[in-house]
Amino acid sequence: MFALLQQFLKIAFLTGKPYDLPGDRGTLHLAIALSFLTYVIATWQLYSPPKAIAHALLDLLLAGSVFYIALSAFNKSARFPQAFAALCGANAVLNAATLPVILTRLDRVESATVDSQERLYLIEFFFLVWSISVVAHVIRFSFDTNIPISIAAAVGYVMLALAVFDTVF
């Protein structure tokens, strides 16, 4: 278990590769559970509890569907368990890392100075770039593509996800 968490950390920091993970369903289920749990914990204070759960479920369903359909379109569906486990495990790391920022933002939203608000926005932007980088990293190795294409695909996915979330919520 500890080795698996280390692997998720490596993927989140763009040094591990999705194909380094075990390809079994247990790894996939654990990664999905960790991603769901950390997502709900990180957003619990931003939304109502049911809405945080709905956000987490929609995020996982959308990401899993897009990854599975895209991998199938390129005849690489056998890579899905590793690719999606890598994405979910790395997202769990990101979700856990954003928790202090979210709590700080909530504590300071009313008493924040312009300078502290700007710092929080910069930190949030950093996490957005990190998140896109992780998605691009997983795409790069799952689809055997180059960095510019994987970044473009990751940005496209994030734009799709934002549009879906904006429509649903």
N, C-alpha and C. Protein backbone atom coordinates (compact mmCIF):
# COMPACT_ATOMS: atom_id res chain seq x y z
N MET A 1 0.83 -1.20 0.00
CA MET A 1 0.00 0.00 0.00
C MET A 1 0.87 1.26 0.00
N PHE A 2 1.92 1.27 0.86
CA PHE A 2 2.81 2.42 0.92
C PHE A 2 3.52 2.63 -0.41
N ALA A 3 3.93 1.55 -1.06
CA ALA A 3 4.60 1.65 -2.36
C ALA A 3 3.65 2.24 -3.41
N LEU A 4 2.39 1.89 -3.33
CA LEU A 4 1.40 2.41 -4.27
C LEU A 4 1.20 3.91 -4.05
N LEU A 5 1.13 4.33 -2.79
CA LEU A 5 0.99 5.75 -2.50
C LEU A 5 2.22 6.53 -2.96
N GLN A 6 3.38 5.93 -2.81
CA GLN A 6 4.61 6.56 -3.32
C GLN A 6 4.54 6.72 -4.83
N GLN A 7 3.99 5.72 -5.51
CA GLN A 7 3.86 5.80 -6.95
C GLN A 7 2.90 6.91 -7.36
N PHE A 8 1.80 7.07 -6.63
CA PHE A 8 0.85 8.16 -6.90
C PHE A 8 1.54 9.52 -6.70
N LEU A 9 2.36 9.62 -5.66
CA LEU A 9 3.12 10.86 -5.44
C LEU A 9 4.06 11.14 -6.61
N LYS A 10 4.75 10.11 -7.07
CA LYS A 10 5.67 10.28 -8.21
C LYS A 10 4.92 10.75 -9.45
N ILE A 11 3.76 10.19 -9.70
CA ILE A 11 2.97 10.60 -10.86
C ILE A 11 2.50 12.04 -10.68
N ALA A 12 2.06 12.39 -9.48
CA ALA A 12 1.62 13.76 -9.22
C ALA A 12 2.75 14.77 -9.41
N PHE A 13 3.99 14.34 -9.13
CA PHE A 13 5.13 15.22 -9.32
C PHE A 13 5.82 14.99 -10.67
N LEU A 14 5.12 14.29 -11.56
CA LEU A 14 5.50 14.10 -12.97
C LEU A 14 6.79 13.30 -13.15
N THR A 15 7.12 12.47 -12.17
CA THR A 15 8.32 11.63 -12.31
C THR A 15 7.97 10.15 -12.50
N GLY A 16 6.79 9.75 -12.07
CA GLY A 16 6.35 8.38 -12.27
C GLY A 16 5.51 8.27 -13.53
N LYS A 17 5.39 7.08 -14.02
CA LYS A 17 4.63 6.84 -15.26
C LYS A 17 3.45 5.93 -14.96
N PRO A 18 2.33 6.15 -15.65
CA PRO A 18 1.15 5.31 -15.40
C PRO A 18 1.42 3.82 -15.54
N TYR A 19 2.27 3.44 -16.49
CA TYR A 19 2.52 2.02 -16.70
C TYR A 19 3.40 1.40 -15.61
N ASP A 20 3.88 2.22 -14.67
CA ASP A 20 4.60 1.68 -13.52
C ASP A 20 3.65 1.15 -12.45
N LEU A 21 2.37 1.49 -12.56
CA LEU A 21 1.37 1.01 -11.61
C LEU A 21 0.95 -0.40 -11.96
N PRO A 22 0.51 -1.19 -10.97
CA PRO A 22 -0.08 -2.49 -11.29
C PRO A 22 -1.36 -2.27 -12.12
N GLY A 23 -1.61 -3.13 -13.04
CA GLY A 23 -2.77 -2.98 -13.92
C GLY A 23 -4.02 -3.69 -13.43
N ASP A 24 -4.06 -4.05 -12.16
CA ASP A 24 -5.20 -4.81 -11.64
C ASP A 24 -6.34 -3.88 -11.22
N ARG A 25 -7.51 -4.47 -11.09
CA ARG A 25 -8.72 -3.71 -10.71
C ARG A 25 -8.63 -3.19 -9.27
N GLY A 26 -7.92 -3.90 -8.39
CA GLY A 26 -7.79 -3.45 -7.01
C GLY A 26 -7.09 -2.10 -6.92
N THR A 27 -6.03 -1.92 -7.71
CA THR A 27 -5.31 -0.64 -7.75
C THR A 27 -6.24 0.45 -8.28
N LEU A 28 -6.98 0.13 -9.34
CA LEU A 28 -7.91 1.09 -9.92
C LEU A 28 -8.98 1.49 -8.90
N HIS A 29 -9.57 0.51 -8.24
CA HIS A 29 -10.62 0.81 -7.26
C HIS A 29 -10.08 1.64 -6.09
N LEU A 30 -8.89 1.33 -5.62
CA LEU A 30 -8.28 2.09 -4.53
C LEU A 30 -8.02 3.54 -4.97
N ALA A 31 -7.50 3.71 -6.16
CA ALA A 31 -7.21 5.06 -6.66
C ALA A 31 -8.50 5.87 -6.81
N ILE A 32 -9.54 5.24 -7.32
CA ILE A 32 -10.83 5.94 -7.46
C ILE A 32 -11.36 6.33 -6.08
N ALA A 33 -11.28 5.40 -5.13
CA ALA A 33 -11.77 5.68 -3.78
C ALA A 33 -10.99 6.83 -3.13
N LEU A 34 -9.67 6.82 -3.28
CA LEU A 34 -8.84 7.89 -2.72
C LEU A 34 -9.16 9.24 -3.37
N SER A 35 -9.33 9.22 -4.68
CA SER A 35 -9.66 10.45 -5.39
C SER A 35 -11.02 10.99 -4.94
N PHE A 36 -12.00 10.10 -4.85
CA PHE A 36 -13.34 10.50 -4.41
C PHE A 36 -13.30 11.07 -3.00
N LEU A 37 -12.66 10.36 -2.10
CA LEU A 37 -12.60 10.77 -0.70
C LEU A 37 -11.90 12.12 -0.54
N THR A 38 -10.75 12.29 -1.16
CA THR A 38 -10.02 13.55 -1.02
C THR A 38 -10.75 14.70 -1.71
N TYR A 39 -11.43 14.41 -2.81
CA TYR A 39 -12.23 15.43 -3.51
C TYR A 39 -13.34 15.93 -2.60
N VAL A 40 -14.08 15.01 -2.00
CA VAL A 40 -15.19 15.38 -1.12
C VAL A 40 -14.67 16.15 0.09
N ILE A 41 -13.59 15.69 0.70
CA ILE A 41 -13.03 16.40 1.86
C ILE A 41 -12.58 17.81 1.47
N ALA A 42 -11.95 17.94 0.30
CA ALA A 42 -11.45 19.24 -0.13
C ALA A 42 -12.58 20.21 -0.49
N THR A 43 -13.71 19.72 -0.95
CA THR A 43 -14.79 20.61 -1.39
C THR A 43 -15.95 20.68 -0.41
N TRP A 44 -15.89 19.92 0.64
CA TRP A 44 -16.97 19.84 1.62
C TRP A 44 -17.35 21.22 2.15
N GLN A 45 -16.34 22.06 2.40
CA GLN A 45 -16.60 23.38 2.96
C GLN A 45 -17.00 24.40 1.90
N LEU A 46 -16.70 24.13 0.64
CA LEU A 46 -17.07 25.05 -0.43
C LEU A 46 -18.53 24.89 -0.84
N TYR A 47 -19.01 23.67 -0.79
CA TYR A 47 -20.37 23.34 -1.21
C TYR A 47 -21.08 22.65 -0.05
N SER A 48 -22.35 22.41 -0.24
CA SER A 48 -23.05 21.58 0.73
C SER A 48 -22.53 20.15 0.58
N PRO A 49 -22.63 19.33 1.61
CA PRO A 49 -22.14 17.95 1.49
C PRO A 49 -22.70 17.17 0.29
N PRO A 50 -24.02 17.23 0.03
CA PRO A 50 -24.52 16.51 -1.15
C PRO A 50 -23.93 17.03 -2.46
N LYS A 51 -23.72 18.35 -2.53
CA LYS A 51 -23.15 18.93 -3.75
C LYS A 51 -21.68 18.53 -3.91
N ALA A 52 -20.95 18.44 -2.81
CA ALA A 52 -19.55 18.00 -2.87
C ALA A 52 -19.47 16.57 -3.38
N ILE A 53 -20.36 15.73 -2.91
CA ILE A 53 -20.40 14.33 -3.36
C ILE A 53 -20.78 14.27 -4.84
N ALA A 54 -21.77 15.08 -5.24
CA ALA A 54 -22.19 15.11 -6.65
C ALA A 54 -21.05 15.59 -7.54
N HIS A 55 -20.31 16.61 -7.09
CA HIS A 55 -19.16 17.11 -7.86
C HIS A 55 -18.13 16.00 -8.04
N ALA A 56 -17.81 15.31 -6.96
CA ALA A 56 -16.80 14.26 -7.02
C ALA A 56 -17.24 13.14 -7.96
N LEU A 57 -18.49 12.72 -7.85
CA LEU A 57 -18.99 11.65 -8.72
C LEU A 57 -18.97 12.07 -10.18
N LEU A 58 -19.43 13.30 -10.47
CA LEU A 58 -19.43 13.77 -11.85
C LEU A 58 -18.02 13.88 -12.40
N ASP A 59 -17.10 14.38 -11.59
CA ASP A 59 -15.72 14.51 -12.02
C ASP A 59 -15.12 13.15 -12.38
N LEU A 60 -15.32 12.18 -11.51
CA LEU A 60 -14.78 10.83 -11.77
C LEU A 60 -15.46 10.18 -12.97
N LEU A 61 -16.76 10.33 -13.07
CA LEU A 61 -17.50 9.75 -14.20
C LEU A 61 -17.07 10.37 -15.52
N LEU A 62 -16.94 11.68 -15.55
CA LEU A 62 -16.53 12.36 -16.77
C LEU A 62 -15.11 11.98 -17.16
N ALA A 63 -14.19 12.05 -16.21
CA ALA A 63 -12.79 11.71 -16.52
C ALA A 63 -12.66 10.26 -16.96
N GLY A 64 -13.32 9.35 -16.25
CA GLY A 64 -13.25 7.94 -16.62
C GLY A 64 -13.83 7.68 -17.99
N SER A 65 -14.95 8.31 -18.29
CA SER A 65 -15.60 8.12 -19.59
C SER A 65 -14.73 8.65 -20.73
N VAL A 66 -14.22 9.85 -20.54
CA VAL A 66 -13.38 10.46 -21.58
C VAL A 66 -12.12 9.63 -21.80
N PHE A 67 -11.48 9.21 -20.73
CA PHE A 67 -10.27 8.40 -20.87
C PHE A 67 -10.57 7.06 -21.54
N TYR A 68 -11.65 6.40 -21.12
CA TYR A 68 -11.97 5.10 -21.70
C TYR A 68 -12.32 5.22 -23.18
N ILE A 69 -13.13 6.19 -23.54
CA ILE A 69 -13.52 6.38 -24.94
C ILE A 69 -12.31 6.73 -25.79
N ALA A 70 -11.47 7.62 -25.29
CA ALA A 70 -10.28 8.01 -26.06
C ALA A 70 -9.30 6.86 -26.21
N LEU A 71 -9.06 6.12 -25.14
CA LEU A 71 -8.16 4.97 -25.24
C LEU A 71 -8.73 3.92 -26.18
N SER A 72 -10.01 3.70 -26.13
CA SER A 72 -10.66 2.73 -27.04
C SER A 72 -10.54 3.17 -28.49
N ALA A 73 -10.70 4.48 -28.73
CA ALA A 73 -10.60 5.01 -30.09
C ALA A 73 -9.21 4.80 -30.68
N PHE A 74 -8.20 4.74 -29.83
CA PHE A 74 -6.83 4.52 -30.28
C PHE A 74 -6.37 3.08 -30.07
N ASN A 75 -7.33 2.18 -29.86
CA ASN A 75 -7.05 0.75 -29.64
C ASN A 75 -6.08 0.51 -28.48
N LYS A 76 -6.26 1.29 -27.42
CA LYS A 76 -5.40 1.15 -26.24
C LYS A 76 -6.25 0.97 -24.98
N SER A 77 -7.44 0.41 -25.12
CA SER A 77 -8.34 0.29 -23.97
C SER A 77 -7.76 -0.59 -22.86
N ALA A 78 -6.83 -1.47 -23.19
CA ALA A 78 -6.21 -2.31 -22.15
C ALA A 78 -5.41 -1.47 -21.16
N ARG A 79 -5.05 -0.25 -21.55
CA ARG A 79 -4.28 0.64 -20.67
C ARG A 79 -5.17 1.40 -19.69
N PHE A 80 -6.48 1.29 -19.85
CA PHE A 80 -7.39 2.08 -19.02
C PHE A 80 -7.16 1.89 -17.52
N PRO A 81 -7.08 0.66 -17.01
CA PRO A 81 -6.92 0.54 -15.55
C PRO A 81 -5.70 1.28 -15.00
N GLN A 82 -4.58 1.18 -15.70
CA GLN A 82 -3.37 1.87 -15.24
C GLN A 82 -3.49 3.38 -15.43
N ALA A 83 -3.99 3.80 -16.59
CA ALA A 83 -4.09 5.23 -16.88
C ALA A 83 -5.04 5.93 -15.93
N PHE A 84 -6.21 5.34 -15.73
CA PHE A 84 -7.18 6.00 -14.86
C PHE A 84 -6.76 5.90 -13.39
N ALA A 85 -6.13 4.81 -13.00
CA ALA A 85 -5.61 4.71 -11.64
C ALA A 85 -4.53 5.77 -11.42
N ALA A 86 -3.69 5.99 -12.42
CA ALA A 86 -2.65 7.02 -12.30
C ALA A 86 -3.28 8.40 -12.15
N LEU A 87 -4.28 8.68 -12.97
CA LEU A 87 -4.95 9.97 -12.89
C LEU A 87 -5.64 10.15 -11.54
N CYS A 88 -6.37 9.16 -11.10
CA CYS A 88 -7.09 9.25 -9.82
C CYS A 88 -6.14 9.33 -8.64
N GLY A 89 -5.09 8.53 -8.64
CA GLY A 89 -4.13 8.56 -7.56
C GLY A 89 -3.41 9.90 -7.47
N ALA A 90 -3.01 10.43 -8.62
CA ALA A 90 -2.36 11.74 -8.64
C ALA A 90 -3.34 12.84 -8.23
N ASN A 91 -4.59 12.71 -8.65
CA ASN A 91 -5.59 13.69 -8.24
C ASN A 91 -5.83 13.66 -6.74
N ALA A 92 -5.75 12.48 -6.14
CA ALA A 92 -5.89 12.39 -4.69
C ALA A 92 -4.77 13.18 -4.00
N VAL A 93 -3.57 13.10 -4.54
CA VAL A 93 -2.44 13.88 -4.00
C VAL A 93 -2.72 15.37 -4.16
N LEU A 94 -3.17 15.77 -5.34
CA LEU A 94 -3.49 17.18 -5.58
C LEU A 94 -4.61 17.67 -4.67
N ASN A 95 -5.64 16.86 -4.53
CA ASN A 95 -6.76 17.24 -3.66
C ASN A 95 -6.29 17.46 -2.23
N ALA A 96 -5.46 16.55 -1.76
CA ALA A 96 -4.93 16.67 -0.40
C ALA A 96 -4.06 17.92 -0.27
N ALA A 97 -3.29 18.21 -1.30
CA ALA A 97 -2.41 19.38 -1.26
C ALA A 97 -3.20 20.69 -1.30
N THR A 98 -4.35 20.71 -1.95
CA THR A 98 -5.13 21.95 -2.03
C THR A 98 -5.94 22.24 -0.77
N LEU A 99 -6.11 21.24 0.07
CA LEU A 99 -6.95 21.42 1.26
C LEU A 99 -6.53 22.61 2.13
N PRO A 100 -5.25 22.78 2.45
CA PRO A 100 -4.89 23.96 3.26
C PRO A 100 -5.21 25.28 2.55
N VAL A 101 -5.06 25.31 1.24
CA VAL A 101 -5.36 26.53 0.49
C VAL A 101 -6.85 26.83 0.54
N ILE A 102 -7.67 25.82 0.37
CA ILE A 102 -9.12 26.01 0.42
C ILE A 102 -9.54 26.49 1.80
N LEU A 103 -9.01 25.88 2.84
CA LEU A 103 -9.36 26.30 4.20
C LEU A 103 -8.88 27.72 4.49
N THR A 104 -7.70 28.07 4.01
CA THR A 104 -7.18 29.42 4.19
C THR A 104 -8.06 30.41 3.45
N ARG A 105 -8.46 30.05 2.25
CA ARG A 105 -9.31 30.94 1.45
C ARG A 105 -10.64 31.18 2.17
N LEU A 106 -11.22 30.14 2.71
CA LEU A 106 -12.50 30.28 3.41
C LEU A 106 -12.36 31.13 4.66
N ASP A 107 -11.25 30.99 5.37
CA ASP A 107 -11.03 31.76 6.60
C ASP A 107 -10.82 33.24 6.31
N ARG A 108 -10.26 33.53 5.16
CA ARG A 108 -9.86 34.91 4.88
C ARG A 108 -10.77 35.63 3.89
N VAL A 109 -11.80 34.97 3.41
CA VAL A 109 -12.60 35.56 2.34
C VAL A 109 -13.20 36.91 2.72
N GLU A 110 -13.58 37.12 3.98
CA GLU A 110 -14.18 38.38 4.38
C GLU A 110 -13.14 39.39 4.87
N SER A 111 -12.08 38.92 5.47
CA SER A 111 -11.10 39.84 6.05
C SER A 111 -9.84 39.97 5.19
N ALA A 112 -9.89 39.50 3.98
CA ALA A 112 -8.69 39.48 3.15
C ALA A 112 -8.34 40.87 2.61
N THR A 113 -7.06 41.16 2.61
CA THR A 113 -6.59 42.37 1.95
C THR A 113 -6.40 42.05 0.48
N VAL A 114 -6.22 43.06 -0.31
CA VAL A 114 -6.01 42.86 -1.75
C VAL A 114 -4.76 42.02 -1.97
N ASP A 115 -3.72 42.31 -1.21
CA ASP A 115 -2.46 41.58 -1.36
C ASP A 115 -2.62 40.09 -1.03
N SER A 116 -3.30 39.78 0.04
CA SER A 116 -3.48 38.37 0.41
C SER A 116 -4.41 37.66 -0.57
N GLN A 117 -5.42 38.36 -1.07
CA GLN A 117 -6.30 37.77 -2.09
C GLN A 117 -5.51 37.44 -3.35
N GLU A 118 -4.64 38.35 -3.75
CA GLU A 118 -3.82 38.11 -4.94
C GLU A 118 -2.92 36.90 -4.76
N ARG A 119 -2.36 36.75 -3.56
CA ARG A 119 -1.52 35.58 -3.29
C ARG A 119 -2.33 34.29 -3.36
N LEU A 120 -3.54 34.31 -2.81
CA LEU A 120 -4.40 33.13 -2.87
C LEU A 120 -4.76 32.79 -4.31
N TYR A 121 -5.06 33.80 -5.12
CA TYR A 121 -5.38 33.55 -6.53
C TYR A 121 -4.17 32.97 -7.26
N LEU A 122 -2.99 33.45 -6.93
CA LEU A 122 -1.77 32.93 -7.54
C LEU A 122 -1.55 31.47 -7.15
N ILE A 123 -1.80 31.15 -5.90
CA ILE A 123 -1.67 29.76 -5.43
C ILE A 123 -2.71 28.87 -6.12
N GLU A 124 -3.94 29.36 -6.24
CA GLU A 124 -4.98 28.60 -6.94
C GLU A 124 -4.60 28.38 -8.40
N PHE A 125 -4.01 29.40 -9.03
CA PHE A 125 -3.56 29.26 -10.42
C PHE A 125 -2.46 28.20 -10.51
N PHE A 126 -1.55 28.19 -9.54
CA PHE A 126 -0.50 27.18 -9.49
C PHE A 126 -1.11 25.78 -9.47
N PHE A 127 -2.14 25.57 -8.63
CA PHE A 127 -2.77 24.25 -8.55
C PHE A 127 -3.48 23.89 -9.85
N LEU A 128 -4.06 24.88 -10.53
CA LEU A 128 -4.69 24.62 -11.83
C LEU A 128 -3.65 24.16 -12.84
N VAL A 129 -2.52 24.86 -12.89
CA VAL A 129 -1.45 24.48 -13.81
C VAL A 129 -0.90 23.11 -13.45
N TRP A 130 -0.74 22.84 -12.17
CA TRP A 130 -0.26 21.53 -11.72
C TRP A 130 -1.25 20.44 -12.14
N SER A 131 -2.52 20.70 -11.97
CA SER A 131 -3.54 19.72 -12.35
C SER A 131 -3.51 19.43 -13.85
N ILE A 132 -3.43 20.48 -14.65
CA ILE A 132 -3.35 20.30 -16.10
C ILE A 132 -2.08 19.54 -16.46
N SER A 133 -0.99 19.83 -15.77
CA SER A 133 0.28 19.14 -16.03
C SER A 133 0.17 17.65 -15.73
N VAL A 134 -0.52 17.30 -14.65
CA VAL A 134 -0.70 15.89 -14.30
C VAL A 134 -1.53 15.18 -15.36
N VAL A 135 -2.63 15.81 -15.78
CA VAL A 135 -3.46 15.20 -16.83
C VAL A 135 -2.64 15.03 -18.11
N ALA A 136 -1.87 16.06 -18.48
CA ALA A 136 -1.03 15.96 -19.68
C ALA A 136 0.01 14.85 -19.54
N HIS A 137 0.58 14.71 -18.36
CA HIS A 137 1.58 13.67 -18.10
C HIS A 137 0.98 12.28 -18.29
N VAL A 138 -0.20 12.07 -17.73
CA VAL A 138 -0.87 10.77 -17.86
C VAL A 138 -1.25 10.53 -19.32
N ILE A 139 -1.75 11.54 -20.00
CA ILE A 139 -2.10 11.40 -21.43
C ILE A 139 -0.86 11.06 -22.24
N ARG A 140 0.22 11.76 -21.98
CA ARG A 140 1.46 11.54 -22.74
C ARG A 140 1.89 10.07 -22.72
N PHE A 141 1.90 9.47 -21.54
CA PHE A 141 2.37 8.10 -21.44
C PHE A 141 1.29 7.07 -21.76
N SER A 142 0.04 7.41 -21.57
CA SER A 142 -1.03 6.46 -21.87
C SER A 142 -1.30 6.34 -23.36
N PHE A 143 -1.08 7.44 -24.08
CA PHE A 143 -1.35 7.46 -25.51
C PHE A 143 -0.08 7.45 -26.35
N ASP A 144 1.09 7.40 -25.71
CA ASP A 144 2.37 7.43 -26.42
C ASP A 144 2.45 8.62 -27.37
N THR A 145 2.21 9.80 -26.82
CA THR A 145 2.22 11.01 -27.63
C THR A 145 3.27 11.98 -27.12
N ASN A 146 3.42 13.09 -27.81
CA ASN A 146 4.43 14.06 -27.39
C ASN A 146 3.83 15.08 -26.42
N ILE A 147 4.69 15.90 -25.86
CA ILE A 147 4.28 16.84 -24.82
C ILE A 147 3.30 17.89 -25.33
N PRO A 148 3.54 18.55 -26.47
CA PRO A 148 2.58 19.57 -26.91
C PRO A 148 1.17 19.01 -27.15
N ILE A 149 1.08 17.84 -27.73
CA ILE A 149 -0.24 17.24 -27.96
C ILE A 149 -0.89 16.87 -26.64
N SER A 150 -0.12 16.33 -25.71
CA SER A 150 -0.71 15.96 -24.42
C SER A 150 -1.16 17.19 -23.64
N ILE A 151 -0.43 18.29 -23.73
CA ILE A 151 -0.84 19.52 -23.06
C ILE A 151 -2.12 20.05 -23.70
N ALA A 152 -2.17 20.06 -25.01
CA ALA A 152 -3.38 20.53 -25.71
C ALA A 152 -4.58 19.67 -25.34
N ALA A 153 -4.39 18.36 -25.28
CA ALA A 153 -5.49 17.46 -24.91
C ALA A 153 -5.91 17.71 -23.46
N ALA A 154 -4.96 17.93 -22.57
CA ALA A 154 -5.29 18.19 -21.16
C ALA A 154 -6.06 19.50 -21.01
N VAL A 155 -5.62 20.54 -21.71
CA VAL A 155 -6.34 21.82 -21.65
C VAL A 155 -7.74 21.65 -22.24
N GLY A 156 -7.85 20.91 -23.34
CA GLY A 156 -9.16 20.63 -23.92
C GLY A 156 -10.06 19.88 -22.96
N TYR A 157 -9.51 18.91 -22.26
CA TYR A 157 -10.30 18.17 -21.28
C TYR A 157 -10.76 19.08 -20.15
N VAL A 158 -9.88 19.92 -19.63
CA VAL A 158 -10.25 20.82 -18.54
C VAL A 158 -11.35 21.78 -19.00
N MET A 159 -11.25 22.27 -20.22
CA MET A 159 -12.30 23.16 -20.75
C MET A 159 -13.63 22.41 -20.87
N LEU A 160 -13.58 21.17 -21.33
CA LEU A 160 -14.79 20.34 -21.40
C LEU A 160 -15.38 20.13 -20.01
N ALA A 161 -14.53 19.80 -19.06
CA ALA A 161 -15.00 19.56 -17.69
C ALA A 161 -15.62 20.82 -17.10
N LEU A 162 -14.99 21.96 -17.31
CA LEU A 162 -15.56 23.21 -16.81
C LEU A 162 -16.91 23.50 -17.43
N ALA A 163 -17.04 23.25 -18.73
CA ALA A 163 -18.32 23.46 -19.41
C ALA A 163 -19.40 22.52 -18.85
N VAL A 164 -19.04 21.28 -18.65
CA VAL A 164 -20.00 20.32 -18.10
C VAL A 164 -20.41 20.73 -16.69
N PHE A 165 -19.45 21.08 -15.85
CA PHE A 165 -19.77 21.49 -14.48
C PHE A 165 -20.60 22.76 -14.46
N ASP A 166 -20.29 23.69 -15.37
CA ASP A 166 -21.06 24.92 -15.44
C ASP A 166 -22.50 24.65 -15.86
N THR A 167 -22.68 23.69 -16.75
CA THR A 167 -24.02 23.33 -17.20
C THR A 167 -24.81 22.60 -16.12
N VAL A 168 -24.16 21.66 -15.46
CA VAL A 168 -24.83 20.84 -14.46
C VAL A 168 -25.05 21.60 -13.16
N PHE A 169 -24.07 22.36 -12.72
CA PHE A 169 -24.18 23.05 -11.44
C PHE A 169 -24.34 24.54 -11.64
